[in-house]
Amino acid sequence: MRSPHWEGRMDTLSRIKELAQRELSIDPSKMDPNAPLDALGIDSLTFIEFMFKVEDEFGVKVSDEDLRQIKCLSDLERHVAASLAAPGKA
């Protein structure tokens, strides 16, 4: 049986992937959450614009330092999940 934390992670990743599909026109069948962002056709400016959408979608903030640590959609999911799990940190 999966833990509630696992279910939350899957939901967060699913929402990020849906947002990426909608905002970045990425084919979901080619969206590997562990692929480097540039391999998905996401340049740094596009990613910054996408981050504004993620912040609005989840109600979290991503600092410039955190942004530099995010190299793939899985990194983004981990950051968002951690922010959501830590009240007052978001």
C-alpha atoms as a PDB file:
ATOM      1  CA  MET A   1       0.000   0.000   0.000  1.00  0.00           C
ATOM      2  CA  ARG A   2       1.326   3.432  -0.894  1.00  0.00           C
ATOM      3  CA  SER A   3       1.761   6.039   1.780  1.00  0.00           C
ATOM      4  CA  PRO A   4      -0.137   9.354   1.590  1.00  0.00           C
ATOM      5  CA  HIS A   5       3.225  11.073   1.000  1.00  0.00           C
ATOM      6  CA  TRP A   6       3.761   8.924  -2.104  1.00  0.00           C
ATOM      7  CA  GLU A   7       0.266   9.755  -3.390  1.00  0.00           C
ATOM      8  CA  GLY A   8       0.989  13.455  -2.884  1.00  0.00           C
ATOM      9  CA  ARG A   9       4.237  13.185  -4.828  1.00  0.00           C
ATOM     10  CA  MET A  10       2.520  11.463  -7.720  1.00  0.00           C
ATOM     11  CA  ASP A  11      -0.183  14.110  -7.746  1.00  0.00           C
ATOM     12  CA  THR A  12       2.413  16.906  -7.681  1.00  0.00           C
ATOM     13  CA  LEU A  13       4.414  15.365 -10.521  1.00  0.00           C
ATOM     14  CA  SER A  14       1.239  14.751 -12.541  1.00  0.00           C
ATOM     15  CA  ARG A  15       0.185  18.367 -12.098  1.00  0.00           C
ATOM     16  CA  ILE A  16       3.647  19.623 -13.107  1.00  0.00           C
ATOM     17  CA  LYS A  17       3.617  17.390 -16.198  1.00  0.00           C
ATOM     18  CA  GLU A  18       0.122  18.589 -17.146  1.00  0.00           C
ATOM     19  CA  LEU A  19       1.220  22.191 -16.700  1.00  0.00           C
ATOM     20  CA  ALA A  20       4.331  21.577 -18.812  1.00  0.00           C
ATOM     21  CA  GLN A  21       2.214  19.948 -21.495  1.00  0.00           C
ATOM     22  CA  ARG A  22      -0.202  22.888 -21.526  1.00  0.00           C
ATOM     23  CA  GLU A  23       2.278  25.762 -21.130  1.00  0.00           C
ATOM     24  CA  LEU A  24       5.295  24.387 -23.004  1.00  0.00           C
ATOM     25  CA  SER A  25       3.535  22.211 -25.598  1.00  0.00           C
ATOM     26  CA  ILE A  26       5.590  19.166 -24.623  1.00  0.00           C
ATOM     27  CA  ASP A  27       4.312  15.855 -25.957  1.00  0.00           C
ATOM     28  CA  PRO A  28       3.404  13.854 -22.832  1.00  0.00           C
ATOM     29  CA  SER A  29       4.639  10.615 -24.384  1.00  0.00           C
ATOM     30  CA  LYS A  30       8.121  12.160 -24.674  1.00  0.00           C
ATOM     31  CA  MET A  31       8.122  13.829 -21.263  1.00  0.00           C
ATOM     32  CA  ASP A  32      10.713  12.060 -19.118  1.00  0.00           C
ATOM     33  CA  PRO A  33      10.652  13.786 -15.708  1.00  0.00           C
ATOM     34  CA  ASN A  34      14.320  12.870 -15.202  1.00  0.00           C
ATOM     35  CA  ALA A  35      15.501  14.271 -18.541  1.00  0.00           C
ATOM     36  CA  PRO A  36      17.517  17.503 -18.447  1.00  0.00           C
ATOM     37  CA  LEU A  37      15.315  20.505 -19.163  1.00  0.00           C
ATOM     38  CA  ASP A  38      17.206  21.362 -22.347  1.00  0.00           C
ATOM     39  CA  ALA A  39      16.553  17.837 -23.649  1.00  0.00           C
ATOM     40  CA  LEU A  40      12.852  18.666 -23.350  1.00  0.00           C
ATOM     41  CA  GLY A  41      13.418  21.831 -25.386  1.00  0.00           C
ATOM     42  CA  ILE A  42      13.173  24.136 -22.372  1.00  0.00           C
ATOM     43  CA  ASP A  43      15.713  26.978 -22.363  1.00  0.00           C
ATOM     44  CA  SER A  44      16.487  29.046 -19.270  1.00  0.00           C
ATOM     45  CA  LEU A  45      14.173  31.971 -20.133  1.00  0.00           C
ATOM     46  CA  THR A  46      11.295  29.632 -20.939  1.00  0.00           C
ATOM     47  CA  PHE A  47      11.896  27.788 -17.674  1.00  0.00           C
ATOM     48  CA  ILE A  48      11.800  31.018 -15.649  1.00  0.00           C
ATOM     49  CA  GLU A  49       8.477  31.909 -17.283  1.00  0.00           C
ATOM     50  CA  PHE A  50       7.233  28.375 -16.560  1.00  0.00           C
ATOM     51  CA  MET A  51       8.272  28.759 -12.912  1.00  0.00           C
ATOM     52  CA  PHE A  52       5.879  31.710 -12.547  1.00  0.00           C
ATOM     53  CA  LYS A  53       3.083  29.377 -13.673  1.00  0.00           C
ATOM     54  CA  VAL A  54       4.242  26.685 -11.221  1.00  0.00           C
ATOM     55  CA  GLU A  55       4.342  29.203  -8.375  1.00  0.00           C
ATOM     56  CA  ASP A  56       0.776  30.295  -9.201  1.00  0.00           C
ATOM     57  CA  GLU A  57      -0.456  26.711  -9.624  1.00  0.00           C
ATOM     58  CA  PHE A  58       0.928  25.455  -6.301  1.00  0.00           C
ATOM     59  CA  GLY A  59       1.119  28.650  -4.239  1.00  0.00           C
ATOM     60  CA  VAL A  60       4.859  28.244  -3.621  1.00  0.00           C
ATOM     61  CA  LYS A  61       7.855  30.481  -4.145  1.00  0.00           C
ATOM     62  CA  VAL A  62      11.070  29.396  -5.824  1.00  0.00           C
ATOM     63  CA  SER A  63      14.150  31.449  -5.022  1.00  0.00           C
ATOM     64  CA  ASP A  64      16.841  32.166  -7.601  1.00  0.00           C
ATOM     65  CA  GLU A  65      19.152  29.823  -5.676  1.00  0.00           C
ATOM     66  CA  ASP A  66      16.561  27.032  -5.739  1.00  0.00           C
ATOM     67  CA  LEU A  67      15.946  27.670  -9.419  1.00  0.00           C
ATOM     68  CA  ARG A  68      19.610  27.015 -10.201  1.00  0.00           C
ATOM     69  CA  GLN A  69      19.351  23.618  -8.461  1.00  0.00           C
ATOM     70  CA  ILE A  70      16.444  22.457 -10.652  1.00  0.00           C
ATOM     71  CA  LYS A  71      17.775  20.510 -13.635  1.00  0.00           C
ATOM     72  CA  CYS A  72      14.737  18.366 -14.542  1.00  0.00           C
ATOM     73  CA  LEU A  73      10.999  18.128 -13.852  1.00  0.00           C
ATOM     74  CA  SER A  74      11.650  15.597 -11.059  1.00  0.00           C
ATOM     75  CA  ASP A  75      13.859  18.179  -9.298  1.00  0.00           C
ATOM     76  CA  LEU A  76      11.042  20.680  -9.654  1.00  0.00           C
ATOM     77  CA  GLU A  77       8.547  18.191  -8.222  1.00  0.00           C
ATOM     78  CA  ARG A  78      10.777  17.523  -5.202  1.00  0.00           C
ATOM     79  CA  HIS A  79      11.157  21.249  -4.546  1.00  0.00           C
ATOM     80  CA  VAL A  80       7.408  21.915  -4.824  1.00  0.00           C
ATOM     81  CA  ALA A  81       6.548  18.895  -2.636  1.00  0.00           C
ATOM     82  CA  ALA A  82       9.050  20.021   0.024  1.00  0.00           C
ATOM     83  CA  SER A  83       7.651  23.561  -0.060  1.00  0.00           C
ATOM     84  CA  LEU A  84       4.102  22.275   0.295  1.00  0.00           C
ATOM     85  CA  ALA A  85       5.099  20.012   3.193  1.00  0.00           C
ATOM     86  CA  ALA A  86       6.821  22.832   5.106  1.00  0.00           C
ATOM     87  CA  PRO A  87       4.234  25.413   6.229  1.00  0.00           C
ATOM     88  CA  GLY A  88       5.683  28.884   6.227  1.00  0.00           C
ATOM     89  CA  LYS A  89       8.507  27.904   3.856  1.00  0.00           C
ATOM     90  CA  ALA A  90       6.440  28.344   0.696  1.00  0.00           C
END
